[in-house]
């Protein structure tokens, strides 16, 4: 069985790249087709694969730049030849690569990621071509391919346009995160996911935590919070780190504050896997599924619920929190892919 794998980009490590790596582990002979690729920007096994890309590789060096040129994606997909010798083609799409074109005889599967945490690029040309691009995206979802989706919410949205799909929950590297019970861990510092925060909310959170004399640290991508970083100092920002550095910090924290509306944001799952609770923006559904996930509606609601994170009783429940996210592991993801393909 000859398999091809598609994705939006190979420009920067993100959850889509991890999904592609998992698929490549299932199909080691598969070649990769992507909209944009810059060699050696994503370290790991993908660079040893044969990678086919479009002219957007010469324009975009980051995912943000690819979003900037998204109005060119329909043209780019027409010019990327995907061999008709493939039996199966699987793409991991953040809203673009599911438009890659394959031959009719190739069985097609698309895994759509829920991009609620994505700020995207909204430039002048994108606004002009936005209606056309959205129509193009929708058209490519209405053919006879099999659709997998990351969240039940995305499944519901597709149902509204008459398209059936199957939920295939994402995974995080659960094995990289452990429950650590050490005398030196006071669980007094709060971690704040910087990725999904605008500068105004980040500043408000910092001010409120300072008023309460609470320790805190912003973690994750924080380039957009440069002014706040200057005001607070580098010591209040952890940045993006490998799992080896992130895991001990999560295990020792009071908990995580996460404004990412994605129900399964990776950092929230990683924190729960470390046995620490999460205050998370969003609805009640995720909290029913995951113990230790406390939803909040807005900044005021967050501040009212903040004391619930500092309760040391969470230490006694740490193993329960971890057990709740074990189902979000890579082995289960691969097993589900195999079952879907076999069925």
Protein backbone atom coordinates (compact mmCIF):
# COMPACT_ATOMS: atom_id res chain seq x y z
CA UNK A 1 0.00 0.00 0.00
CA UNK A 2 1.52 3.31 -1.12
CA UNK A 3 0.71 6.26 1.15
CA UNK A 4 1.32 10.00 0.84
CA UNK A 5 1.06 12.50 3.69
CA UNK A 6 0.15 16.19 3.37
CA UNK A 7 0.33 19.20 5.67
CA UNK A 8 0.13 22.99 5.58
CA UNK A 9 3.82 23.60 6.18
CA UNK A 10 7.14 22.33 7.46
CA UNK A 11 8.42 25.65 8.72
CA UNK A 12 8.09 25.55 12.49
CA UNK A 13 7.41 22.81 15.02
CA UNK A 14 3.77 22.82 16.14
CA UNK A 15 1.10 20.23 16.85
CA UNK A 16 0.47 19.63 13.13
CA UNK A 17 4.12 18.64 12.71
CA UNK A 18 3.81 16.16 15.59
CA UNK A 19 0.71 14.65 13.94
CA UNK A 20 2.61 14.28 10.66
CA UNK A 21 5.54 12.63 12.46
CA UNK A 22 3.14 10.14 14.05
CA UNK A 23 1.68 9.31 10.63
CA UNK A 24 5.18 8.92 9.19
CA UNK A 25 5.95 6.43 11.96
CA UNK A 26 2.93 4.41 10.80
CA UNK A 27 3.92 4.71 7.14
CA UNK A 28 7.73 5.01 7.03
CA UNK A 29 7.91 4.89 3.23
CA UNK A 30 5.44 7.75 2.75
CA UNK A 31 6.53 10.91 0.94
CA UNK A 32 5.35 14.31 2.19
CA UNK A 33 3.49 16.99 0.25
CA UNK A 34 3.24 20.45 1.75
CA UNK A 35 2.51 24.05 0.80
CA UNK A 36 5.76 25.46 2.20
CA UNK A 37 9.01 23.93 3.41
CA UNK A 38 12.32 25.46 4.45
CA UNK A 39 15.04 22.79 4.94
CA UNK A 40 16.47 22.37 8.46
CA UNK A 41 13.95 24.72 10.12
CA UNK A 42 12.16 21.78 11.77
CA UNK A 43 14.61 19.44 13.43
CA UNK A 44 13.67 15.78 13.57
CA UNK A 45 12.88 12.80 11.35
CA UNK A 46 10.84 14.74 8.77
CA UNK A 47 13.94 16.18 7.15
CA UNK A 48 15.01 12.65 6.20
CA UNK A 49 11.81 12.20 4.19
CA UNK A 50 11.27 13.13 0.55
CA UNK A 51 9.35 16.41 0.71
CA UNK A 52 7.46 18.03 -2.16
CA UNK A 53 6.38 21.67 -1.80
CA UNK A 54 4.90 24.59 -3.78
CA UNK A 55 6.27 27.97 -4.84
CA UNK A 56 5.11 29.29 -1.45
CA UNK A 57 8.33 27.82 -0.02
CA UNK A 58 10.11 30.79 -1.61
CA UNK A 59 7.72 33.31 -0.05
CA UNK A 60 6.99 32.01 3.46
CA UNK A 61 9.62 31.19 6.06
CA UNK A 62 7.19 31.04 9.02
CA UNK A 63 3.58 29.84 9.50
CA UNK A 64 2.58 33.48 9.99
CA UNK A 65 3.98 34.39 6.57
CA UNK A 66 2.16 31.43 5.03
CA UNK A 67 -1.10 32.84 6.45
CA UNK A 68 -0.12 36.17 4.91
CA UNK A 69 0.01 34.52 1.48
CA UNK A 70 -3.02 32.27 2.03
CA UNK A 71 -4.84 33.95 -0.86
CA UNK A 72 -2.27 32.24 -3.14
CA UNK A 73 -2.90 28.75 -1.75
CA UNK A 74 -5.59 27.70 -4.30
CA UNK A 75 -3.16 28.47 -7.14
CA UNK A 76 -0.28 26.75 -5.35
CA UNK A 77 -2.25 23.52 -4.85
CA UNK A 78 -2.99 23.31 -8.59
CA UNK A 79 0.72 23.38 -9.36
CA UNK A 80 1.78 20.68 -6.87
CA UNK A 81 1.74 17.31 -8.58
CA UNK A 82 0.75 14.42 -6.31
CA UNK A 83 1.45 11.12 -8.01
CA UNK A 84 -1.52 8.98 -9.06
CA UNK A 85 0.34 5.86 -7.90
CA UNK A 86 -0.76 6.56 -4.29
CA UNK A 87 -3.34 4.25 -2.77
CA UNK A 88 -4.01 6.54 0.19
CA UNK A 89 -3.36 10.22 0.86
CA UNK A 90 -3.71 11.63 4.40
CA UNK A 91 -3.40 15.35 5.09
CA UNK A 92 -3.23 17.17 8.41
CA UNK A 93 -4.89 20.51 7.67
CA UNK A 94 -5.09 23.73 9.67
CA UNK A 95 -7.48 25.02 7.03
CA UNK A 96 -5.32 24.95 3.90
CA UNK A 97 -3.66 21.66 2.94
CA UNK A 98 -6.95 19.75 2.67
CA UNK A 99 -7.14 21.59 -0.67
CA UNK A 100 -4.18 19.64 -2.09
CA UNK A 101 -5.33 17.81 -5.23
CA UNK A 102 -5.11 14.03 -5.64
CA UNK A 103 -6.19 11.60 -8.37
CA UNK A 104 -9.70 10.18 -8.18
CA UNK A 105 -8.50 6.63 -7.57
CA UNK A 106 -6.49 7.68 -4.49
CA UNK A 107 -8.42 7.13 -1.24
CA UNK A 108 -8.43 10.47 0.58
CA UNK A 109 -8.42 11.23 4.32
CA UNK A 110 -8.23 14.72 5.85
CA UNK A 111 -7.58 15.45 9.51
CA UNK A 112 -8.86 18.94 10.31
CA UNK A 113 -7.35 20.77 13.25
CA UNK A 114 -9.43 23.11 15.38
CA UNK A 115 -7.73 26.49 15.03
CA UNK A 116 -9.56 28.56 17.66
CA UNK A 117 -6.26 29.49 19.27
CA UNK A 118 -4.82 30.74 15.97
CA UNK A 119 -4.70 34.52 15.53
CA UNK A 120 -3.93 34.23 11.81
CA UNK A 121 -2.93 37.01 9.39
CA UNK A 122 -5.55 39.48 8.22
CA UNK A 123 -3.78 41.69 5.69
CA UNK A 124 -5.32 43.77 2.89
CA UNK A 125 -5.11 41.11 0.16
CA UNK A 126 -6.43 38.46 2.54
CA UNK A 127 -9.50 40.59 3.20
CA UNK A 128 -10.10 41.05 -0.53
CA UNK A 129 -9.82 37.33 -1.27
CA UNK A 130 -11.28 36.04 2.01
CA UNK A 131 -14.70 35.17 0.53
CA UNK A 132 -13.09 33.30 -2.35
CA UNK A 133 -10.69 31.46 -0.02
CA UNK A 134 -13.49 30.42 2.35
CA UNK A 135 -15.55 29.15 -0.59
CA UNK A 136 -12.53 27.18 -1.84
CA UNK A 137 -11.96 25.65 1.61
CA UNK A 138 -15.61 24.61 1.92
CA UNK A 139 -15.75 23.16 -1.60
CA UNK A 140 -12.83 20.86 -0.77
CA UNK A 141 -14.66 19.52 2.27
CA UNK A 142 -17.75 18.48 0.31
CA UNK A 143 -16.20 15.75 -1.84
CA UNK A 144 -16.21 12.04 -0.98
CA UNK A 145 -13.10 11.97 1.22
CA UNK A 146 -13.18 10.74 4.82
CA UNK A 147 -12.95 13.57 7.31
CA UNK A 148 -11.40 13.28 10.76
CA UNK A 149 -11.71 16.22 13.14
CA UNK A 150 -9.86 17.17 16.29
CA UNK A 151 -12.81 18.17 18.47
CA UNK A 152 -16.53 17.40 18.88
CA UNK A 153 -17.21 21.11 18.31
CA UNK A 154 -15.63 20.92 14.86
CA UNK A 155 -17.65 17.78 14.13
CA UNK A 156 -20.82 19.72 15.00
CA UNK A 157 -19.85 22.66 12.77
CA UNK A 158 -19.33 20.37 9.78
CA UNK A 159 -22.65 18.66 10.46
CA UNK A 160 -24.32 22.05 10.03
CA UNK A 161 -23.06 22.25 6.43
CA UNK A 162 -24.15 18.68 5.74
CA UNK A 163 -20.76 17.00 6.15
CA UNK A 164 -20.19 13.93 8.33
CA UNK A 165 -16.87 13.48 10.14
CA UNK A 166 -15.28 11.36 12.85
CA UNK A 167 -13.59 12.69 15.97
CA UNK A 168 -9.93 11.75 16.23
CA UNK A 169 -8.63 13.43 19.37
CA UNK A 170 -5.11 14.88 19.26
CA UNK A 171 -2.23 13.66 21.38
CA UNK A 172 0.52 15.12 23.50
CA UNK A 173 3.73 13.42 24.61
CA UNK A 174 2.22 12.21 27.89
CA UNK A 175 5.30 10.18 28.70
CA UNK A 176 7.40 13.38 28.88
CA UNK A 177 5.35 14.71 31.82
CA UNK A 178 5.26 13.17 35.28
CA UNK A 179 3.66 13.76 38.66
CA UNK A 180 6.57 14.80 40.89
CA UNK A 181 5.96 14.99 44.63
CA UNK A 182 8.97 16.69 46.16
CA UNK A 183 9.44 18.55 49.44
CA UNK A 184 10.89 21.51 47.57
CA UNK A 185 7.71 22.04 45.53
CA UNK A 186 5.55 24.63 47.28
CA UNK A 187 3.11 24.93 44.35
CA UNK A 188 2.97 28.68 44.93
CA UNK A 189 3.71 30.09 41.46
CA UNK A 190 1.06 30.42 38.75
CA UNK A 191 1.90 29.75 35.12
CA UNK A 192 0.17 31.74 32.38
CA UNK A 193 -0.05 30.57 28.75
CA UNK A 194 1.29 33.56 26.83
CA UNK A 195 0.42 32.23 23.37
CA UNK A 196 -3.30 33.04 23.38
CA UNK A 197 -3.11 36.31 25.35
CA UNK A 198 -3.22 39.79 23.90
CA UNK A 199 -1.02 42.43 25.55
CA UNK A 200 -3.98 44.08 27.33
CA UNK A 201 -5.14 40.93 29.09
CA UNK A 202 -1.58 39.86 29.85
CA UNK A 203 -0.94 43.19 31.55
CA UNK A 204 -4.18 42.95 33.58
CA UNK A 205 -3.37 39.45 34.77
CA UNK A 206 0.14 40.49 35.79
CA UNK A 207 -1.21 43.51 37.70
CA UNK A 208 -3.84 41.48 39.55
CA UNK A 209 -1.37 38.76 40.54
CA UNK A 210 1.09 41.38 41.73
CA UNK A 211 -1.63 43.04 43.85
CA UNK A 212 -2.29 39.70 45.52
CA UNK A 213 1.47 39.15 46.04
CA UNK A 214 1.28 35.96 44.01
CA UNK A 215 4.22 34.59 42.05
CA UNK A 216 3.68 34.00 38.33
CA UNK A 217 5.49 33.27 35.10
CA UNK A 218 4.38 33.51 31.46
CA UNK A 219 5.21 30.41 29.42
CA UNK A 220 5.12 29.68 25.70
CA UNK A 221 5.50 31.93 22.66
CA UNK A 222 5.68 35.52 23.93
CA UNK A 223 7.10 37.66 21.08
CA UNK A 224 3.82 39.59 20.97
CA UNK A 225 4.27 40.60 24.64
CA UNK A 226 7.62 42.36 24.15
CA UNK A 227 6.53 45.58 25.90
CA UNK A 228 5.26 43.71 28.95
CA UNK A 229 8.45 41.65 29.06
CA UNK A 230 10.45 44.88 29.18
CA UNK A 231 8.26 46.22 32.00
CA UNK A 232 8.23 43.05 34.13
CA UNK A 233 11.70 41.73 33.35
CA UNK A 234 12.92 38.55 31.65
CA UNK A 235 12.56 36.54 34.88
CA UNK A 236 8.76 36.67 34.53
CA UNK A 237 8.89 34.93 31.15
CA UNK A 238 9.88 31.32 30.53
CA UNK A 239 9.38 31.32 26.75
CA UNK A 240 9.13 28.21 24.59
CA UNK A 241 11.20 25.37 25.97
CA UNK A 242 11.65 21.68 25.27
CA UNK A 243 9.65 19.19 27.31
CA UNK A 244 12.70 18.38 29.42
CA UNK A 245 12.76 21.93 30.77
CA UNK A 246 9.00 22.49 30.82
CA UNK A 247 7.99 19.32 32.69
CA UNK A 248 9.56 20.17 36.11
CA UNK A 249 8.12 23.68 35.95
CA UNK A 250 4.59 22.34 35.38
CA UNK A 251 4.93 19.78 38.18
CA UNK A 252 6.02 22.43 40.68
CA UNK A 253 3.41 25.09 39.76
CA UNK A 254 0.22 26.04 41.59
CA UNK A 255 -1.51 25.57 38.26
CA UNK A 256 -1.94 26.97 34.76
CA UNK A 257 -4.01 29.92 33.52
CA UNK A 258 -4.94 29.29 29.89
CA UNK A 259 -6.89 31.71 27.66
CA UNK A 260 -6.65 29.39 24.65
CA UNK A 261 -10.24 28.52 23.73
CA UNK A 262 -9.18 25.26 22.11
CA UNK A 263 -10.70 22.53 24.33
CA UNK A 264 -7.54 20.41 24.12
CA UNK A 265 -4.75 23.00 24.03
CA UNK A 266 -1.45 21.09 24.36
CA UNK A 267 -0.13 23.09 27.32
CA UNK A 268 -3.35 22.43 29.31
CA UNK A 269 -3.12 18.68 28.69
CA UNK A 270 0.58 18.71 29.60
CA UNK A 271 -0.16 20.52 32.86
CA UNK A 272 -2.86 18.00 33.79
CA UNK A 273 -0.47 15.17 32.90
CA UNK A 274 1.92 16.73 35.45
CA UNK A 275 -0.80 16.48 38.10
CA UNK A 276 -1.54 20.21 38.34
CA UNK A 277 -4.92 21.94 37.75
CA UNK A 278 -5.82 24.33 34.94
CA UNK A 279 -8.03 27.42 34.83
CA UNK A 280 -9.17 27.47 31.23
CA UNK A 281 -11.17 29.79 29.03
CA UNK A 282 -14.08 28.03 27.37
CA UNK A 283 -17.31 26.14 27.97
CA UNK A 284 -18.17 23.48 30.51
CA UNK A 285 -17.83 20.48 28.15
CA UNK A 286 -14.07 19.99 28.48
CA UNK A 287 -14.25 20.28 32.26
CA UNK A 288 -16.74 17.37 32.35
CA UNK A 289 -14.25 15.24 30.45
CA UNK A 290 -11.06 16.23 32.27
CA UNK A 291 -10.71 16.40 36.05
CA UNK A 292 -8.75 19.40 37.26
CA UNK A 293 -9.91 21.60 34.37
CA UNK A 294 -11.78 24.63 35.76
CA UNK A 295 -13.53 26.76 33.09
CA UNK A 296 -13.84 30.54 33.30
CA UNK A 297 -15.83 32.98 31.16
CA UNK A 298 -13.81 36.19 31.31
CA UNK A 299 -11.07 37.94 33.25
CA UNK A 300 -13.32 38.78 36.22
CA UNK A 301 -14.52 35.17 36.44
CA UNK A 302 -10.90 34.03 36.26
CA UNK A 303 -9.88 36.22 39.19
CA UNK A 304 -12.83 34.95 41.25
CA UNK A 305 -11.80 31.34 40.63
CA UNK A 306 -8.06 31.87 41.01
CA UNK A 307 -7.93 30.79 44.69
CA UNK A 308 -9.13 27.34 43.61
CA UNK A 309 -5.77 26.75 41.92
CA UNK A 310 -3.73 27.52 45.01
CA UNK A 311 -5.48 24.89 47.12
CA UNK A 312 -2.87 22.31 48.11
CA UNK A 313 -5.52 19.57 48.10
CA UNK A 314 -4.76 19.24 44.36
CA UNK A 315 -1.54 17.47 45.36
CA UNK A 316 -3.64 14.58 46.72
CA UNK A 317 -5.54 14.41 43.41
CA UNK A 318 -2.50 14.66 41.13
CA UNK A 319 -2.65 11.04 39.97
CA UNK A 320 -6.37 11.42 39.12
CA UNK A 321 -5.58 14.48 37.00
CA UNK A 322 -2.92 12.56 35.13
CA UNK A 323 -5.17 9.54 34.55
CA UNK A 324 -7.75 11.79 32.90
CA UNK A 325 -5.38 12.73 30.06
CA UNK A 326 -3.74 9.35 29.46
CA UNK A 327 -6.22 8.80 26.60
CA UNK A 328 -4.53 11.71 24.79
CA UNK A 329 -1.41 9.65 24.07
CA UNK A 330 0.35 9.01 20.79
CA UNK A 331 -0.13 5.23 20.79
CA UNK A 332 -3.91 5.63 21.04
CA UNK A 333 -3.88 8.18 18.21
CA UNK A 334 -1.99 5.76 15.94
CA UNK A 335 -4.31 2.89 16.86
CA UNK A 336 -7.36 4.98 15.95
CA UNK A 337 -5.82 5.93 12.59
CA UNK A 338 -5.22 2.25 11.83
CA UNK A 339 -8.81 1.36 12.74
CA UNK A 340 -10.24 4.14 10.59
CA UNK A 341 -8.17 3.04 7.61
CA UNK A 342 -9.11 -0.61 8.07
CA UNK A 343 -12.81 0.22 8.31
